[in-house]
């Protein structure tokens, strides 16, 4: 809760979805140079609430990162990013007006390290809220570009372009990386019945262990950098987004399941350790209970999550999720809903 005794000048709220089933990941990077990605934006969303006060004697910003149980103050907004660099860099990048003192609460129901682009969603939501402090109004493309620049240019992190776009745009998008970081975004317009059935069949399972940038990922990046943008191992990943797009447009869930499996096997071909033992166990149990498709989210590795596509019988999906919870310790089913809209600010 705020320590303030007076009412804020303004309260700005924003939310941005995460993404699942990211077909074509690794091809949206600087070392791939060009590629294609298709992903599905879903709720629960990352949430930001920002209370705006006159500066006076207050610190420039007070940040409450609820998922981490951390609250701390920044006396001034500088380029020295300390406790939560992504958040502090966003404040710096947006040139937060000095006449304001901000109290910022951030929260997501998605577990930390779930490999669903949660950090990008938080960044997009925070940038959207900060944009309301100035006369300018960023477009979804500009918000996603700013979020990407913060990670790559200010924080010097490895980062593709797809996660920020998914959060800013929402919906299901076919993204063509024409020449990194330039993109062409094509939203998929699906019949309502197809959307509803997709939503019913999708399941997101957190494997119980956080994803992080491990040595395996560094090895993969080093190898791909050495092989160049036309590395043969990237070719299957560039194809799966088109397969997924065509399957969705035709309402063919069998073909969609096949594209998911192909993408996961293409990830395994990059490096066997990208499909970790926890992912594999979730996949094995899901197969035994009628799942038709599975996609390890994000870059894969030791932790994170798996997107599952279930069959036509609704009860079998529930039975599958109960079995996974029982047979894969610490795993967690996260209910998701399609998010046709991206960033929302009010």
Foldseek 3Di string as FASTA:
>chain_A
DDPDPDAFPDKKKKWWFFWWLWFLPPCLFQQLFWFKIKIFTWDPTKMKIKGKHFPPPHAQEWEQAPLVRDIDGHNHQDLPQPDDQLLSLLCVLLVQDSRIRMYMYIDGPDHAQQQRLRSLRRQLRSNQRSCVRDPDHDALVRSLVSSVCSVCVSVVHGDGSPGSSCQSFFAIWMWISPGPPDIDIDHDDAPPVLQVLQLLFKWKKWLQDHDDCDVLVVVLVVVSSVCGNVPVLSVLSRPLSVQCSVCSNVSNVLSNQVSQASRQVSLCVSPVQQCPPSNVVLVVLLVVLAWSHKHQHHSGHHTHMMMTGGDDDSVSVVVSQVSSPVPRDSMDIDRIHGTNGHMDMD
